[in-house]
Amino acid sequence: MRNFVSGLLLLFCTTFASANPSAASKAEITHLLSFLEKSGCQFNRNGSWYSPNEAVTHLQKKYQYLLDKNLISTSEDFIERAATESSMSGKPYLVKCDNAAPVESAVWFKRELTTFRKQK
């Protein structure tokens, strides 16, 4: 009986704790990834610079992993948990566009998310 109750409790917690992004959040995250891909900006991860396509591929894998673990429910979650820093080293990701100084990716993505929301 104890295992049955524990199983029900686990099922209840898993069901209600699952973090599924809304359609609006999914659209925003898709936009952020597309924006990076089309930006022409370089993306720094763990001290190495990557093309926008390589960065998007990496972030999509990280996003999917976090979705599978029910850890993303908003665009802000995506930025904070997938697009801010390396989960391996803890080093912040950077974005460098043209000749501008590198910017922390969290700032870069939040700025674009704000712009995107204002356009709606």
C-alpha atoms as a PDB file:
ATOM      1  CA  MET A   1       0.000   0.000   0.000  1.00  0.00           C
ATOM      2  CA  ARG A   2       2.840   2.382   0.839  1.00  0.00           C
ATOM      3  CA  ASN A   3       4.396   1.901  -2.622  1.00  0.00           C
ATOM      4  CA  PHE A   4       1.000   2.518  -4.211  1.00  0.00           C
ATOM      5  CA  VAL A   5       0.585   5.811  -2.346  1.00  0.00           C
ATOM      6  CA  SER A   6       4.160   6.823  -3.188  1.00  0.00           C
ATOM      7  CA  GLY A   7       3.507   6.007  -6.831  1.00  0.00           C
ATOM      8  CA  LEU A   8       0.331   8.081  -6.867  1.00  0.00           C
ATOM      9  CA  LEU A   9       2.114  10.973  -5.213  1.00  0.00           C
ATOM     10  CA  LEU A  10       4.906  10.807  -7.775  1.00  0.00           C
ATOM     11  CA  LEU A  11       2.384  10.691 -10.635  1.00  0.00           C
ATOM     12  CA  PHE A  12       0.486  13.654  -9.174  1.00  0.00           C
ATOM     13  CA  CYS A  13       3.651  15.738  -8.728  1.00  0.00           C
ATOM     14  CA  THR A  14       4.934  14.874 -12.191  1.00  0.00           C
ATOM     15  CA  THR A  15       1.609  15.661 -13.833  1.00  0.00           C
ATOM     16  CA  PHE A  16       1.093  19.000 -12.159  1.00  0.00           C
ATOM     17  CA  ALA A  17       4.718  20.100 -12.038  1.00  0.00           C
ATOM     18  CA  SER A  18       5.284  19.591 -15.727  1.00  0.00           C
ATOM     19  CA  ALA A  19       6.334  22.772 -17.403  1.00  0.00           C
ATOM     20  CA  ASN A  20       4.932  22.980 -20.884  1.00  0.00           C
ATOM     21  CA  PRO A  21       5.467  26.286 -22.642  1.00  0.00           C
ATOM     22  CA  SER A  22       2.364  28.007 -23.917  1.00  0.00           C
ATOM     23  CA  ALA A  23       1.923  28.554 -27.640  1.00  0.00           C
ATOM     24  CA  ALA A  24       2.978  32.187 -27.126  1.00  0.00           C
ATOM     25  CA  SER A  25       6.171  31.161 -25.301  1.00  0.00           C
ATOM     26  CA  LYS A  26       6.990  28.579 -27.977  1.00  0.00           C
ATOM     27  CA  ALA A  27       6.568  31.255 -30.654  1.00  0.00           C
ATOM     28  CA  GLU A  28       8.832  33.625 -28.722  1.00  0.00           C
ATOM     29  CA  ILE A  29      11.531  30.979 -28.253  1.00  0.00           C
ATOM     30  CA  THR A  30      11.335  30.060 -31.922  1.00  0.00           C
ATOM     31  CA  HIS A  31      11.698  33.745 -32.761  1.00  0.00           C
ATOM     32  CA  LEU A  32      14.740  34.129 -30.493  1.00  0.00           C
ATOM     33  CA  LEU A  33      16.481  31.178 -32.119  1.00  0.00           C
ATOM     34  CA  SER A  34      15.600  32.439 -35.589  1.00  0.00           C
ATOM     35  CA  PHE A  35      16.783  35.935 -34.671  1.00  0.00           C
ATOM     36  CA  LEU A  36      20.153  34.545 -33.589  1.00  0.00           C
ATOM     37  CA  GLU A  37      20.427  32.421 -36.708  1.00  0.00           C
ATOM     38  CA  LYS A  38      19.760  35.382 -39.010  1.00  0.00           C
ATOM     39  CA  SER A  39      21.783  37.885 -36.985  1.00  0.00           C
ATOM     40  CA  GLY A  40      25.196  37.112 -38.415  1.00  0.00           C
ATOM     41  CA  CYS A  41      26.521  37.506 -34.863  1.00  0.00           C
ATOM     42  CA  GLN A  42      29.154  35.242 -33.378  1.00  0.00           C
ATOM     43  CA  PHE A  43      28.319  33.215 -30.267  1.00  0.00           C
ATOM     44  CA  ASN A  44      30.905  32.479 -27.590  1.00  0.00           C
ATOM     45  CA  ARG A  45      30.639  29.303 -25.602  1.00  0.00           C
ATOM     46  CA  ASN A  46      33.411  28.213 -23.228  1.00  0.00           C
ATOM     47  CA  GLY A  47      35.957  30.545 -24.789  1.00  0.00           C
ATOM     48  CA  SER A  48      35.353  29.612 -28.438  1.00  0.00           C
ATOM     49  CA  TRP A  49      33.418  31.578 -31.041  1.00  0.00           C
ATOM     50  CA  TYR A  50      30.746  29.827 -33.092  1.00  0.00           C
ATOM     51  CA  SER A  51      28.654  30.750 -36.096  1.00  0.00           C
ATOM     52  CA  PRO A  52      24.988  31.593 -35.588  1.00  0.00           C
ATOM     53  CA  ASN A  53      23.972  28.223 -37.064  1.00  0.00           C
ATOM     54  CA  GLU A  54      26.254  26.314 -34.710  1.00  0.00           C
ATOM     55  CA  ALA A  55      24.951  28.334 -31.771  1.00  0.00           C
ATOM     56  CA  VAL A  56      21.332  27.673 -32.692  1.00  0.00           C
ATOM     57  CA  THR A  57      21.993  23.944 -33.059  1.00  0.00           C
ATOM     58  CA  HIS A  58      23.561  23.885 -29.591  1.00  0.00           C
ATOM     59  CA  LEU A  59      20.767  25.919 -27.992  1.00  0.00           C
ATOM     60  CA  GLN A  60      18.063  23.798 -29.640  1.00  0.00           C
ATOM     61  CA  LYS A  61      19.613  20.632 -28.171  1.00  0.00           C
ATOM     62  CA  LYS A  62      19.830  22.258 -24.762  1.00  0.00           C
ATOM     63  CA  TYR A  63      16.244  23.522 -25.067  1.00  0.00           C
ATOM     64  CA  GLN A  64      14.958  20.063 -25.998  1.00  0.00           C
ATOM     65  CA  TYR A  65      16.815  18.488 -23.082  1.00  0.00           C
ATOM     66  CA  LEU A  66      15.271  21.000 -20.674  1.00  0.00           C
ATOM     67  CA  LEU A  67      11.816  20.475 -22.206  1.00  0.00           C
ATOM     68  CA  ASP A  68      12.188  16.735 -21.706  1.00  0.00           C
ATOM     69  CA  LYS A  69      13.001  17.415 -18.040  1.00  0.00           C
ATOM     70  CA  ASN A  70       9.993  19.782 -17.735  1.00  0.00           C
ATOM     71  CA  LEU A  71      12.238  22.703 -16.841  1.00  0.00           C
ATOM     72  CA  ILE A  72      11.038  25.259 -19.400  1.00  0.00           C
ATOM     73  CA  SER A  73       7.635  26.913 -19.316  1.00  0.00           C
ATOM     74  CA  THR A  74       8.337  30.490 -20.412  1.00  0.00           C
ATOM     75  CA  SER A  75      10.619  32.398 -22.740  1.00  0.00           C
ATOM     76  CA  GLU A  76      12.412  33.739 -19.684  1.00  0.00           C
ATOM     77  CA  ASP A  77      13.044  30.153 -18.550  1.00  0.00           C
ATOM     78  CA  PHE A  78      14.575  29.424 -21.949  1.00  0.00           C
ATOM     79  CA  ILE A  79      16.884  32.417 -21.678  1.00  0.00           C
ATOM     80  CA  GLU A  80      17.853  31.695 -18.070  1.00  0.00           C
ATOM     81  CA  ARG A  81      18.295  27.928 -18.306  1.00  0.00           C
ATOM     82  CA  ALA A  82      19.387  27.340 -21.898  1.00  0.00           C
ATOM     83  CA  ALA A  83      20.783  30.549 -23.361  1.00  0.00           C
ATOM     84  CA  THR A  84      22.690  32.273 -20.553  1.00  0.00           C
ATOM     85  CA  GLU A  85      25.639  30.108 -19.617  1.00  0.00           C
ATOM     86  CA  SER A  86      27.366  26.819 -20.156  1.00  0.00           C
ATOM     87  CA  SER A  87      25.882  24.114 -17.974  1.00  0.00           C
ATOM     88  CA  MET A  88      29.285  22.417 -18.035  1.00  0.00           C
ATOM     89  CA  SER A  89      31.601  25.289 -17.048  1.00  0.00           C
ATOM     90  CA  GLY A  90      29.179  27.926 -15.739  1.00  0.00           C
ATOM     91  CA  LYS A  91      30.817  30.508 -18.021  1.00  0.00           C
ATOM     92  CA  PRO A  92      28.387  33.051 -19.514  1.00  0.00           C
ATOM     93  CA  TYR A  93      27.624  32.871 -23.210  1.00  0.00           C
ATOM     94  CA  LEU A  94      28.509  35.984 -25.216  1.00  0.00           C
ATOM     95  CA  VAL A  95      27.183  37.427 -28.467  1.00  0.00           C
ATOM     96  CA  LYS A  96      29.334  39.612 -30.704  1.00  0.00           C
ATOM     97  CA  CYS A  97      27.770  41.462 -33.624  1.00  0.00           C
ATOM     98  CA  ASP A  98      29.942  43.177 -36.201  1.00  0.00           C
ATOM     99  CA  ASN A  99      32.556  45.387 -34.506  1.00  0.00           C
ATOM    100  CA  ALA A 100      30.576  45.903 -31.296  1.00  0.00           C
ATOM    101  CA  ALA A 101      31.902  44.673 -27.971  1.00  0.00           C
ATOM    102  CA  PRO A 102      30.635  41.230 -26.894  1.00  0.00           C
ATOM    103  CA  VAL A 103      27.453  41.248 -24.808  1.00  0.00           C
ATOM    104  CA  GLU A 104      26.278  38.563 -22.413  1.00  0.00           C
ATOM    105  CA  SER A 105      23.746  36.450 -24.259  1.00  0.00           C
ATOM    106  CA  ALA A 106      21.111  36.843 -21.534  1.00  0.00           C
ATOM    107  CA  VAL A 107      21.121  40.612 -22.082  1.00  0.00           C
ATOM    108  CA  TRP A 108      21.094  40.161 -25.865  1.00  0.00           C
ATOM    109  CA  PHE A 109      18.157  37.704 -25.826  1.00  0.00           C
ATOM    110  CA  LYS A 110      16.142  39.686 -23.255  1.00  0.00           C
ATOM    111  CA  ARG A 111      16.533  42.838 -25.353  1.00  0.00           C
ATOM    112  CA  GLU A 112      15.230  41.025 -28.427  1.00  0.00           C
ATOM    113  CA  LEU A 113      12.382  39.414 -26.478  1.00  0.00           C
ATOM    114  CA  THR A 114      11.279  42.876 -25.306  1.00  0.00           C
ATOM    115  CA  THR A 115      11.441  44.207 -28.880  1.00  0.00           C
ATOM    116  CA  PHE A 116       9.493  41.216 -30.194  1.00  0.00           C
ATOM    117  CA  ARG A 117       6.759  41.600 -27.583  1.00  0.00           C
ATOM    118  CA  LYS A 118       6.375  45.324 -28.328  1.00  0.00           C
ATOM    119  CA  GLN A 119       5.860  44.571 -32.026  1.00  0.00           C
ATOM    120  CA  LYS A 120       2.860  42.391 -31.275  1.00  0.00           C
END
